Amino acid sequence: MARDRKSEEPLVERAEGEAAPNPVWFKPVMLGFMLLGLVWILVFYISGMQFPIPGIESWNLAIGLGIALIGFLMTTRWR
C-alpha cells in the first residue's frame, strides 16, 4: 500500500545558532563514565586502598574521581 503524503510529519528545521541534539550513544557513555568512576572509588575503599591498581595507593582515588568528572563534564553538553 502506498503511504499518504499528508500523514508524514514535516521536517523540523533548526535555526542557524541552535545546536543539534546529541547522538544516541551520548547518554549511555555519560552515565557509564559516572558509574565507572563510582565503582573505581568503591573498589579502592572496600579493598583497603590496595586495588584496582596495586602500588599507586591514593592515586586510585584521583583516577576514579577523574573518570567520574569526565561523565559530569559531559552533562554540560547533554541536550
Protein backbone atom coordinates (compact mmCIF):
# COMPACT_ATOMS: atom_id res chain seq x y z
CA MET A 1 0.00 0.00 0.00
CA ALA A 2 1.20 3.46 -0.81
CA ARG A 3 1.63 5.87 2.06
CA ASP A 4 -0.36 9.04 2.08
CA ARG A 5 1.86 12.12 1.91
CA LYS A 6 -0.35 14.01 4.34
CA SER A 7 0.39 11.53 7.14
CA GLU A 8 4.12 12.24 7.04
CA GLU A 9 5.40 14.67 9.60
CA PRO A 10 7.06 17.78 8.21
CA LEU A 11 10.81 18.18 8.61
CA VAL A 12 11.77 20.40 11.50
CA GLU A 13 14.36 22.95 10.51
CA ARG A 14 16.76 24.37 13.07
CA ALA A 15 17.76 27.99 13.35
CA GLU A 16 21.36 28.82 12.47
CA GLY A 17 22.59 29.20 16.08
CA GLU A 18 20.61 26.29 17.51
CA ALA A 19 22.61 23.21 18.50
CA ALA A 20 21.85 19.74 17.17
CA PRO A 21 20.58 17.03 19.53
CA ASN A 22 23.05 14.53 20.95
CA PRO A 23 23.70 11.20 19.26
CA VAL A 24 22.04 8.11 20.72
CA TRP A 25 25.26 6.84 22.33
CA PHE A 26 25.91 10.06 24.30
CA LYS A 27 23.74 9.43 27.37
CA PRO A 28 24.87 5.80 27.96
CA VAL A 29 28.53 6.82 27.67
CA MET A 30 27.99 9.76 30.04
CA LEU A 31 26.29 7.57 32.65
CA GLY A 32 28.90 4.86 32.08
CA PHE A 33 31.76 7.22 32.95
CA MET A 34 30.00 8.37 36.11
CA LEU A 35 29.26 4.81 37.22
CA LEU A 36 32.74 3.55 36.33
CA GLY A 37 34.29 6.32 38.44
CA LEU A 38 31.99 5.46 41.34
CA VAL A 39 32.79 1.74 41.09
CA TRP A 40 36.53 2.53 40.89
CA ILE A 41 36.33 4.55 44.13
CA LEU A 42 34.20 1.91 45.87
CA VAL A 43 36.66 -0.86 44.94
CA PHE A 44 39.50 1.34 46.22
CA TYR A 45 37.90 1.83 49.64
CA ILE A 46 36.43 -1.67 50.03
CA SER A 47 39.75 -3.34 49.17
CA GLY A 48 41.56 -1.41 51.91
CA MET A 49 43.21 1.02 49.48
CA GLN A 50 45.03 -1.75 47.54
CA PHE A 51 43.03 -2.16 44.32
CA PRO A 52 42.08 -1.51 41.40
CA ILE A 53 45.75 -0.74 40.60
CA PRO A 54 48.05 -2.04 43.35
CA GLY A 55 51.07 0.06 44.20
CA ILE A 56 49.82 3.54 43.32
CA GLU A 57 47.88 3.87 46.59
CA SER A 58 45.89 7.14 46.79
CA TRP A 59 46.28 7.86 43.07
CA ASN A 60 43.50 5.31 42.59
CA LEU A 61 41.17 7.84 44.21
CA ALA A 62 42.31 10.55 41.79
CA ILE A 63 41.78 8.22 38.83
CA GLY A 64 38.25 7.34 39.98
CA LEU A 65 37.38 11.00 40.52
CA GLY A 66 38.83 11.87 37.11
CA ILE A 67 36.72 9.24 35.35
CA ALA A 68 33.58 10.43 37.14
CA LEU A 69 34.47 14.05 36.32
CA ILE A 70 34.53 13.21 32.61
CA GLY A 71 30.94 11.97 32.95
CA PHE A 72 29.88 15.08 34.84
CA LEU A 73 31.52 17.34 32.26
CA MET A 74 29.60 15.51 29.56
CA THR A 75 26.36 16.55 31.28
CA THR A 76 27.09 20.16 30.30
CA ARG A 77 26.84 19.15 26.62
CA TRP A 78 23.70 17.00 27.02
CA ARG A 79 20.68 18.36 25.13
